[in-house]
């Protein structure tokens, strides 16, 4: 056991995956697949009135080019392969008999079940991200500085996108993504302790507003000039990448890392079209923006980061967690229940241009 620990401690001091940045005039090209699923109960006055599943499949095409050691430009092009909102065991939304006497307009308590609950589906290209990344400290890029930590800082901007999940286009298809512009601030810090590389990440996404007409699945315009503001978010991650083994030398060298992580997050309120995240709403709200309340989440994850050779990286992993209850639309007293299950699957294939052509 002592020999194994000593051999692991002697492994090359590469920076953790979260703080990795190409050297000057090198870059990365990658394809990432993310599947996110949320299974929730719909609850009104403590009684379950339905079930809901939100499944989001996304492919992201991305590239990074370092213009100098510790300074890089990047882009990300998300493609929403499919976003599906489906319901089960749901009831109709009906006018509350006590409406006007301190009660909201609608209720699902005691109403008839929906025989064929709706399914909301969308797909398409989303807003492109562009930005800059910097590494003021790096164990890989600046070995002469003998840095004990590696830092990665990022500032990104997402362009507004006409195609979004909130409305149906002229071709009768619903888009994907929020459609709104946004800023992203991201930071990652890692160090090394024997064979492990502990790290901390922070991500803040600040989303702007969009003004759009809203059409339903039949192509009928239900609202014009609706002002929407999709949710902003903040995430704090802590974890450690354990180097399980290395092999080879030079360009054929590779390594396998085990990534254990824990994430805490906050998602702000958002203004979106009424009727997307409830199985049934009243006609009086279909032309209005509905406010979904804020919530918090916690997730734990495990992944495998495999440097197949110096130029190819394959990451596989998953996360599972839960989120706090939230009010789905401000006009109706329907919430997600306690014990909402969130789970995610991630896969990434990265091609790393590392040939010293310009040295």
Protein backbone atom coordinates (compact mmCIF):
# COMPACT_ATOMS: atom_id res chain seq x y z
CA UNK A 1 0.00 0.00 0.00
CA UNK A 2 2.84 2.39 0.82
CA UNK A 3 4.46 1.72 -2.54
CA UNK A 4 1.16 2.42 -4.34
CA UNK A 5 0.67 5.73 -2.48
CA UNK A 6 4.23 6.83 -3.19
CA UNK A 7 3.90 5.98 -6.88
CA UNK A 8 0.61 7.91 -7.12
CA UNK A 9 2.15 10.91 -5.39
CA UNK A 10 4.90 10.91 -8.01
CA UNK A 11 2.48 11.23 -10.95
CA UNK A 12 2.89 14.28 -13.23
CA UNK A 13 1.35 17.42 -11.71
CA UNK A 14 -1.29 18.14 -14.34
CA UNK A 15 -3.98 20.65 -13.44
CA UNK A 16 -7.44 19.33 -12.73
CA UNK A 17 -9.91 19.10 -15.59
CA UNK A 18 -11.85 22.15 -14.38
CA UNK A 19 -8.77 24.44 -14.62
CA UNK A 20 -7.22 23.02 -17.79
CA UNK A 21 -6.36 25.58 -20.51
CA UNK A 22 -4.41 25.03 -23.76
CA UNK A 23 -0.92 26.56 -24.15
CA UNK A 24 -0.37 29.50 -26.49
CA UNK A 25 -1.54 28.98 -30.10
CA UNK A 26 -3.10 25.61 -29.24
CA UNK A 27 -6.74 24.82 -28.73
CA UNK A 28 -9.53 22.37 -28.05
CA UNK A 29 -12.54 21.28 -30.08
CA UNK A 30 -15.24 19.32 -28.30
CA UNK A 31 -18.71 17.85 -28.51
CA UNK A 32 -20.69 17.54 -25.27
CA UNK A 33 -23.99 15.76 -24.61
CA UNK A 34 -26.08 16.65 -21.56
CA UNK A 35 -29.31 14.99 -20.46
CA UNK A 36 -31.19 16.67 -17.59
CA UNK A 37 -34.39 15.22 -16.11
CA UNK A 38 -36.64 16.55 -13.35
CA UNK A 39 -39.43 14.37 -11.91
CA UNK A 40 -41.82 16.29 -9.66
CA UNK A 41 -45.20 15.96 -7.99
CA UNK A 42 -47.69 18.78 -8.46
CA UNK A 43 -49.17 19.71 -5.09
CA UNK A 44 -52.04 21.99 -4.07
CA UNK A 45 -52.95 22.49 -0.39
CA UNK A 46 -50.93 19.40 0.52
CA UNK A 47 -52.73 17.15 -1.98
CA UNK A 48 -51.07 15.66 -5.06
CA UNK A 49 -52.89 16.83 -8.20
CA UNK A 50 -50.54 15.49 -10.85
CA UNK A 51 -47.02 14.51 -11.88
CA UNK A 52 -44.61 16.26 -14.21
CA UNK A 53 -41.40 15.35 -16.01
CA UNK A 54 -39.10 17.85 -17.72
CA UNK A 55 -36.43 16.21 -19.91
CA UNK A 56 -33.84 18.27 -21.74
CA UNK A 57 -31.42 16.72 -24.28
CA UNK A 58 -28.68 19.03 -25.49
CA UNK A 59 -25.63 18.79 -27.73
CA UNK A 60 -22.99 21.50 -27.38
CA UNK A 61 -20.31 22.13 -30.00
CA UNK A 62 -17.44 24.15 -28.54
CA UNK A 63 -13.98 25.39 -29.33
CA UNK A 64 -11.15 27.12 -27.43
CA UNK A 65 -8.09 28.91 -28.85
CA UNK A 66 -5.32 30.26 -26.64
CA UNK A 67 -3.89 33.49 -28.04
CA UNK A 68 -1.25 33.58 -25.29
CA UNK A 69 -0.25 31.43 -22.35
CA UNK A 70 -3.06 31.88 -19.84
CA UNK A 71 -5.42 33.74 -22.21
CA UNK A 72 -7.95 32.07 -24.52
CA UNK A 73 -11.05 32.80 -26.60
CA UNK A 74 -13.94 30.35 -26.75
CA UNK A 75 -17.32 29.72 -28.35
CA UNK A 76 -20.17 27.32 -27.57
CA UNK A 77 -23.03 26.45 -29.92
CA UNK A 78 -25.83 24.65 -28.03
CA UNK A 79 -28.28 22.50 -29.97
CA UNK A 80 -31.44 21.50 -28.17
CA UNK A 81 -32.00 17.97 -29.46
CA UNK A 82 -35.27 17.76 -27.56
CA UNK A 83 -36.96 19.43 -24.59
CA UNK A 84 -40.08 17.61 -23.40
CA UNK A 85 -42.55 18.58 -20.67
CA UNK A 86 -45.00 15.74 -19.94
CA UNK A 87 -47.65 15.14 -17.29
CA UNK A 88 -49.31 12.19 -15.60
CA UNK A 89 -52.31 11.65 -13.27
CA UNK A 90 -53.17 15.32 -13.81
CA UNK A 91 -56.43 17.14 -13.18
CA UNK A 92 -58.17 19.98 -14.97
CA UNK A 93 -57.72 23.57 -13.82
CA UNK A 94 -61.14 25.00 -12.96
CA UNK A 95 -62.36 28.33 -11.62
CA UNK A 96 -62.20 28.42 -7.82
CA UNK A 97 -65.66 28.87 -6.32
CA UNK A 98 -64.15 31.26 -3.77
CA UNK A 99 -62.36 33.38 -6.39
CA UNK A 100 -62.41 37.00 -5.24
CA UNK A 101 -62.68 36.09 -1.58
CA UNK A 102 -58.94 35.84 -1.00
CA UNK A 103 -58.53 32.86 -3.35
CA UNK A 104 -56.59 32.52 -6.59
CA UNK A 105 -58.45 32.27 -9.89
CA UNK A 106 -58.07 28.53 -10.40
CA UNK A 107 -57.80 25.23 -8.56
CA UNK A 108 -57.11 21.59 -9.42
CA UNK A 109 -58.65 20.21 -6.24
CA UNK A 110 -61.68 18.01 -6.84
CA UNK A 111 -61.65 18.56 -10.60
CA UNK A 112 -61.89 15.88 -13.30
CA UNK A 113 -58.74 14.01 -14.41
CA UNK A 114 -57.24 14.82 -17.80
CA UNK A 115 -57.58 11.75 -20.00
CA UNK A 116 -54.85 12.75 -22.44
CA UNK A 117 -52.41 15.11 -20.68
CA UNK A 118 -50.53 17.49 -23.01
CA UNK A 119 -46.89 17.08 -24.00
CA UNK A 120 -44.88 20.22 -24.81
CA UNK A 121 -41.93 19.53 -27.12
CA UNK A 122 -39.25 21.79 -28.56
CA UNK A 123 -35.93 21.50 -30.40
CA UNK A 124 -33.46 23.54 -32.39
CA UNK A 125 -30.32 25.66 -32.18
CA UNK A 126 -29.98 27.94 -29.18
CA UNK A 127 -28.12 31.17 -28.55
CA UNK A 128 -24.36 31.09 -29.22
CA UNK A 129 -21.92 31.73 -26.36
CA UNK A 130 -18.65 33.60 -26.92
CA UNK A 131 -16.15 34.78 -24.36
CA UNK A 132 -12.69 34.86 -22.87
CA UNK A 133 -10.87 32.64 -20.38
CA UNK A 134 -7.81 33.47 -18.35
CA UNK A 135 -5.45 31.56 -16.06
CA UNK A 136 -3.51 33.90 -13.76
CA UNK A 137 -2.00 30.87 -12.02
CA UNK A 138 -1.39 27.45 -13.55
CA UNK A 139 0.73 24.46 -12.58
CA UNK A 140 0.89 23.42 -16.26
CA UNK A 141 1.27 26.73 -18.12
CA UNK A 142 3.71 28.43 -15.72
CA UNK A 143 5.88 25.67 -14.19
CA UNK A 144 8.69 28.15 -13.38
CA UNK A 145 6.39 30.04 -11.02
CA UNK A 146 5.93 26.90 -8.90
CA UNK A 147 2.25 27.75 -8.38
CA UNK A 148 0.59 25.66 -5.72
CA UNK A 149 -2.84 26.24 -7.30
CA UNK A 150 -4.35 26.60 -10.76
CA UNK A 151 -7.01 29.23 -11.46
CA UNK A 152 -9.39 29.59 -14.38
CA UNK A 153 -11.58 32.67 -14.84
CA UNK A 154 -14.20 33.08 -17.54
CA UNK A 155 -16.47 35.79 -18.87
CA UNK A 156 -19.02 34.75 -21.50
CA UNK A 157 -21.94 36.30 -23.37
CA UNK A 158 -24.89 34.52 -24.95
CA UNK A 159 -26.55 36.16 -27.95
CA UNK A 160 -30.29 36.59 -28.19
CA UNK A 161 -31.94 33.86 -30.24
CA UNK A 162 -35.22 34.23 -32.15
CA UNK A 163 -35.96 30.52 -31.81
CA UNK A 164 -36.88 29.61 -28.23
CA UNK A 165 -38.97 27.22 -26.15
CA UNK A 166 -41.60 29.82 -25.27
CA UNK A 167 -43.37 30.02 -28.63
CA UNK A 168 -44.13 28.12 -31.85
CA UNK A 169 -42.57 29.45 -35.07
CA UNK A 170 -44.16 29.94 -38.49
CA UNK A 171 -43.41 26.32 -39.39
CA UNK A 172 -45.48 25.13 -36.44
CA UNK A 173 -42.48 23.96 -34.41
CA UNK A 174 -41.42 25.02 -30.92
CA UNK A 175 -37.78 26.00 -30.48
CA UNK A 176 -35.37 25.22 -27.66
CA UNK A 177 -33.53 27.26 -25.07
CA UNK A 178 -34.45 30.50 -23.29
CA UNK A 179 -33.89 32.79 -26.28
CA UNK A 180 -32.72 35.65 -24.05
CA UNK A 181 -29.24 37.18 -23.91
CA UNK A 182 -27.13 36.42 -20.85
CA UNK A 183 -23.77 36.99 -19.18
CA UNK A 184 -21.86 34.13 -17.56
CA UNK A 185 -19.17 34.55 -14.91
CA UNK A 186 -17.26 31.37 -14.06
CA UNK A 187 -14.31 30.61 -11.83
CA UNK A 188 -12.45 27.41 -10.98
CA UNK A 189 -9.61 26.77 -8.53
CA UNK A 190 -7.69 23.54 -8.08
CA UNK A 191 -4.63 22.29 -6.24
CA UNK A 192 -2.91 18.95 -5.75
CA UNK A 193 -2.63 16.71 -2.72
CA UNK A 194 -0.86 13.44 -3.48
CA UNK A 195 -2.94 11.65 -6.13
CA UNK A 196 -6.00 13.87 -5.69
CA UNK A 197 -6.75 17.30 -7.12
CA UNK A 198 -9.36 19.10 -4.99
CA UNK A 199 -11.21 21.93 -6.69
CA UNK A 200 -13.90 24.59 -6.26
CA UNK A 201 -16.07 26.06 -9.03
CA UNK A 202 -18.48 28.99 -9.11
CA UNK A 203 -20.84 29.92 -11.94
CA UNK A 204 -23.21 32.87 -12.19
CA UNK A 205 -25.56 33.27 -15.17
CA UNK A 206 -27.41 36.59 -15.44
CA UNK A 207 -30.21 36.44 -18.00
CA UNK A 208 -31.79 39.41 -19.76
CA UNK A 209 -35.29 40.05 -21.09
CA UNK A 210 -36.89 39.36 -24.47
CA UNK A 211 -40.09 40.70 -26.02
CA UNK A 212 -41.91 38.23 -28.24
CA UNK A 213 -45.25 37.15 -29.62
CA UNK A 214 -46.41 33.79 -28.29
CA UNK A 215 -48.21 31.15 -30.37
CA UNK A 216 -49.58 27.79 -29.21
CA UNK A 217 -49.21 24.35 -30.81
CA UNK A 218 -52.04 25.07 -33.25
CA UNK A 219 -50.26 28.19 -34.51
CA UNK A 220 -52.74 30.56 -32.93
CA UNK A 221 -51.20 33.72 -31.44
CA UNK A 222 -52.13 33.88 -27.77
CA UNK A 223 -50.11 36.96 -26.80
CA UNK A 224 -48.34 39.81 -28.58
CA UNK A 225 -45.41 41.82 -27.27
CA UNK A 226 -45.06 39.66 -24.17
CA UNK A 227 -42.06 40.63 -22.01
CA UNK A 228 -40.31 37.50 -20.72
CA UNK A 229 -37.33 37.06 -18.40
CA UNK A 230 -35.97 33.50 -18.11
CA UNK A 231 -34.33 32.51 -14.84
CA UNK A 232 -30.82 33.47 -13.74
CA UNK A 233 -28.77 31.02 -11.69
CA UNK A 234 -25.82 30.62 -9.34
CA UNK A 235 -23.89 27.41 -8.69
CA UNK A 236 -21.16 26.43 -6.23
CA UNK A 237 -19.31 23.17 -6.79
CA UNK A 238 -16.73 21.37 -4.68
CA UNK A 239 -15.02 18.16 -5.65
CA UNK A 240 -11.84 16.23 -6.19
CA UNK A 241 -10.33 14.45 -9.16
CA UNK A 242 -8.39 11.34 -8.19
CA UNK A 243 -5.72 10.18 -10.62
CA UNK A 244 -6.39 6.45 -10.81
CA UNK A 245 -3.51 5.65 -13.16
CA UNK A 246 -1.26 6.76 -16.02
CA UNK A 247 0.34 4.99 -18.96
CA UNK A 248 2.60 5.63 -21.93
CA UNK A 249 4.98 8.46 -22.77
CA UNK A 250 4.94 11.45 -25.09
CA UNK A 251 1.95 11.82 -27.45
CA UNK A 252 0.69 8.32 -26.53
CA UNK A 253 0.64 9.11 -22.80
CA UNK A 254 -2.72 8.94 -21.06
CA UNK A 255 -4.35 8.89 -17.66
CA UNK A 256 -7.62 8.00 -15.97
CA UNK A 257 -9.18 10.21 -13.31
CA UNK A 258 -12.18 9.66 -11.04
CA UNK A 259 -14.15 12.85 -10.41
CA UNK A 260 -16.32 13.14 -7.26
CA UNK A 261 -18.33 16.35 -6.86
CA UNK A 262 -21.09 18.13 -4.97
CA UNK A 263 -23.07 21.13 -6.26
CA UNK A 264 -25.25 23.66 -4.47
CA UNK A 265 -27.32 26.02 -6.60
CA UNK A 266 -29.93 28.72 -6.72
CA UNK A 267 -32.34 29.44 -9.61
CA UNK A 268 -34.14 32.78 -9.58
CA UNK A 269 -37.77 33.52 -10.38
CA UNK A 270 -38.69 33.81 -14.05
CA UNK A 271 -41.44 35.32 -16.21
CA UNK A 272 -42.56 32.89 -18.94
CA UNK A 273 -45.76 32.23 -20.93
CA UNK A 274 -48.59 30.72 -18.91
CA UNK A 275 -49.48 27.08 -19.49
CA UNK A 276 -46.10 25.52 -20.32
CA UNK A 277 -45.34 23.87 -16.98
CA UNK A 278 -48.91 23.12 -15.86
CA UNK A 279 -51.13 20.49 -17.51
CA UNK A 280 -54.08 22.87 -17.62
CA UNK A 281 -54.67 26.60 -17.11
CA UNK A 282 -57.63 28.96 -17.42
CA UNK A 283 -58.18 30.96 -20.60
CA UNK A 284 -57.80 34.23 -18.68
CA UNK A 285 -54.05 33.64 -18.13
CA UNK A 286 -53.01 32.29 -21.55
CA UNK A 287 -52.28 35.79 -22.84
CA UNK A 288 -50.18 36.74 -19.81
CA UNK A 289 -46.69 36.12 -18.51
CA UNK A 290 -46.61 33.76 -15.52
CA UNK A 291 -44.06 34.11 -12.73
CA UNK A 292 -42.43 30.90 -11.50
CA UNK A 293 -40.86 31.27 -8.06
CA UNK A 294 -37.22 30.78 -7.12
CA UNK A 295 -35.76 27.54 -5.74
CA UNK A 296 -32.54 25.91 -4.56
CA UNK A 297 -30.98 22.53 -5.35
CA UNK A 298 -28.24 20.16 -4.24
CA UNK A 299 -26.66 17.45 -6.42
CA UNK A 300 -23.89 14.91 -6.06
CA UNK A 301 -22.01 13.42 -8.98
CA UNK A 302 -19.41 10.94 -10.12
CA UNK A 303 -17.45 10.90 -13.36
CA UNK A 304 -14.57 9.29 -15.22
CA UNK A 305 -12.11 11.56 -17.07
CA UNK A 306 -10.07 9.49 -19.51
CA UNK A 307 -7.14 11.08 -21.33
CA UNK A 308 -6.96 8.38 -24.03
CA UNK A 309 -3.83 9.91 -25.55
CA UNK A 310 -2.36 13.39 -25.27
CA UNK A 311 -4.70 14.66 -27.99
CA UNK A 312 -8.01 12.97 -27.11
CA UNK A 313 -10.11 13.27 -23.93
CA UNK A 314 -13.30 11.35 -23.07
CA UNK A 315 -15.38 12.28 -19.98
CA UNK A 316 -18.42 10.35 -18.77
CA UNK A 317 -20.44 11.07 -15.64
CA UNK A 318 -23.73 11.69 -13.94
CA UNK A 319 -25.33 13.67 -11.12
CA UNK A 320 -28.39 13.13 -8.94
CA UNK A 321 -30.06 15.43 -6.42
CA UNK A 322 -33.18 17.23 -5.36
CA UNK A 323 -34.63 20.74 -5.36
CA UNK A 324 -36.81 22.76 -3.02
CA UNK A 325 -40.55 23.26 -3.73
CA UNK A 326 -41.52 26.18 -5.96
CA UNK A 327 -44.73 27.79 -7.14
CA UNK A 328 -45.21 27.02 -10.82
CA UNK A 329 -47.37 30.02 -11.77
CA UNK A 330 -48.25 32.95 -9.53
CA UNK A 331 -51.94 32.83 -10.55
CA UNK A 332 -52.44 29.26 -9.28
CA UNK A 333 -51.66 27.72 -5.86
CA UNK A 334 -49.84 24.71 -7.38
CA UNK A 335 -46.30 23.86 -6.25
CA UNK A 336 -43.73 21.18 -6.93
CA UNK A 337 -43.64 18.78 -4.00
CA UNK A 338 -40.88 17.86 -1.60
CA UNK A 339 -38.59 15.13 -2.88
CA UNK A 340 -38.36 16.37 -6.47
CA UNK A 341 -35.78 14.17 -8.20
CA UNK A 342 -33.15 15.76 -10.46
CA UNK A 343 -30.72 13.61 -12.40
CA UNK A 344 -28.27 14.27 -15.20
CA UNK A 345 -26.01 12.36 -17.58
CA UNK A 346 -22.96 13.93 -19.24
CA UNK A 347 -20.60 12.83 -22.01
CA UNK A 348 -17.77 14.83 -23.58
CA UNK A 349 -15.33 14.11 -26.41
CA UNK A 350 -12.51 16.62 -26.75
CA UNK A 351 -9.75 16.84 -29.34
CA UNK A 352 -6.69 18.63 -27.91
CA UNK A 353 -4.35 20.37 -30.36
CA UNK A 354 -1.03 20.28 -28.51
CA UNK A 355 1.63 19.97 -31.25
CA UNK A 356 4.38 22.58 -30.66
CA UNK A 357 4.16 23.94 -34.22
CA UNK A 358 5.03 27.50 -33.25
CA UNK A 359 7.65 26.94 -30.54
